[in-house]
Each structure stands twice: as C-alpha cells, then as structure tokens.
Amino acid sequence: MAKKKKKNKEWDEAIDNLENYEHEECGHSEDKTNNVYMFHNIKHDLHLFINADNYENAMMKFDLCNFIDRKNWKIFLECGHQPA
C-alpha cells in the first residue's frame, strides 16, 4: 500500500500567510536596534563577537581592528528577533 504524501501549501498561499504574520513574543524589545555581529577568520577559525547598532557601525569597528588579509574574514549577524 502506498503512503499518502503530505500536502504542501502552494507557494502563493504561504506568501499570503506571511503578510498577516505576527511576531511570536520572545522577550525582545521591538525598538532594540543593537545586534551582535561575529567576525569569523576562516583561516584560523577565530570568532570575534561585537555589538553594533547597524551594519555601518559594525564595519567601522571591523576597520578599527585593522585586520590583515580582509579576504580571510566573514561577517555574520545575530538579529535581535530570532528564535532561541
């Protein structure tokens, strides 16, 4: 006997549902703009975490560090509103 396939939502229906999406209460303030950025050195597997108000502020702090070989670094962002 063949198993029933789980019906997936059509793409348009899923997008329509996003328009009415309400953020789940997670304890974060809506007006909080401070985010955590991680500078990751892929050559040495070094992780440096900083707090910054926005991407430009994070890049300013990255530039202040004066790292050698910028191509060895990746920048990641932990948003203030994300599931725990």
Protein backbone atom coordinates (compact mmCIF):
# COMPACT_ATOMS: atom_id res chain seq x y z
CA MET A 1 0.00 0.00 0.00
CA ALA A 2 1.41 3.40 -0.98
CA LYS A 3 1.92 6.07 1.66
CA LYS A 4 -0.05 9.27 1.36
CA LYS A 5 2.01 12.30 0.54
CA LYS A 6 1.71 15.22 2.90
CA LYS A 7 0.06 18.10 1.07
CA ASN A 8 2.35 21.12 0.88
CA LYS A 9 0.97 24.63 0.78
CA GLU A 10 1.14 26.29 -2.56
CA TRP A 11 3.81 28.98 -2.75
CA ASP A 12 1.34 31.84 -3.18
CA GLU A 13 -0.72 30.68 -0.19
CA ALA A 14 2.40 30.55 2.02
CA ILE A 15 3.39 34.07 0.94
CA ASP A 16 -0.12 35.38 1.63
CA ASN A 17 0.10 33.98 5.14
CA LEU A 18 3.34 35.90 5.75
CA GLU A 19 1.53 39.19 5.20
CA ASN A 20 -0.58 38.50 8.31
CA TYR A 21 2.28 37.02 10.34
CA GLU A 22 2.60 38.29 13.89
CA HIS A 23 5.93 38.04 15.69
CA GLU A 24 5.89 35.48 18.49
CA GLU A 25 6.54 37.07 21.89
CA CYS A 26 10.15 36.26 22.72
CA GLY A 27 11.06 38.99 25.20
CA HIS A 28 12.90 41.23 22.73
CA SER A 29 12.03 44.88 22.53
CA GLU A 30 10.71 45.98 19.12
CA ASP A 31 12.75 49.19 19.23
CA LYS A 32 16.01 47.47 20.19
CA THR A 33 18.48 48.13 17.38
CA ASN A 34 21.64 46.69 18.93
CA ASN A 35 22.69 43.45 17.25
CA VAL A 36 25.57 41.03 17.70
CA TYR A 37 27.98 40.68 14.79
CA MET A 38 30.52 37.89 14.56
CA PHE A 39 33.76 38.38 12.70
CA HIS A 40 34.97 34.92 11.66
CA ASN A 41 38.51 34.35 10.49
CA ILE A 42 38.15 31.35 8.18
CA LYS A 43 41.91 30.70 8.05
CA HIS A 44 42.43 30.32 11.82
CA ASP A 45 38.81 29.59 12.86
CA LEU A 46 38.79 32.61 15.16
CA HIS A 47 35.45 34.15 16.20
CA LEU A 48 35.20 37.72 17.46
CA PHE A 49 31.80 38.97 18.69
CA ILE A 50 30.89 42.66 18.80
CA ASN A 51 27.77 44.71 19.48
CA ALA A 52 26.76 47.27 16.89
CA ASP A 53 23.67 49.33 16.14
CA ASN A 54 23.78 48.62 12.40
CA TYR A 55 25.93 47.24 9.61
CA GLU A 56 27.81 50.51 9.08
CA ASN A 57 28.69 50.65 12.79
CA ALA A 58 29.88 47.02 12.67
CA MET A 59 32.05 47.74 9.64
CA MET A 60 33.54 50.78 11.38
CA LYS A 61 34.53 48.55 14.31
CA PHE A 62 35.92 45.94 11.91
CA ASP A 63 38.05 48.63 10.24
CA LEU A 64 39.30 49.82 13.65
CA CYS A 65 40.69 46.32 14.29
CA ASN A 66 42.93 46.75 11.22
CA PHE A 67 42.93 43.03 10.42
CA ILE A 68 45.47 41.72 7.92
CA ASP A 69 44.12 39.89 4.86
CA ARG A 70 40.49 41.01 4.91
CA LYS A 71 39.67 38.20 2.48
CA ASN A 72 40.12 35.72 5.38
CA TRP A 73 37.23 37.26 7.32
CA LYS A 74 33.47 36.73 7.09
CA ILE A 75 30.89 38.75 8.97
CA PHE A 76 27.76 37.18 10.44
CA LEU A 77 24.79 38.83 12.13
CA GLU A 78 22.66 37.62 15.04
CA CYS A 79 19.41 39.55 14.77
CA GLY A 80 17.62 40.80 17.86
CA HIS A 81 14.46 38.97 16.82
CA GLN A 82 15.17 35.33 16.14
CA PRO A 83 14.07 32.04 17.64
CA ALA A 84 16.07 30.87 20.62
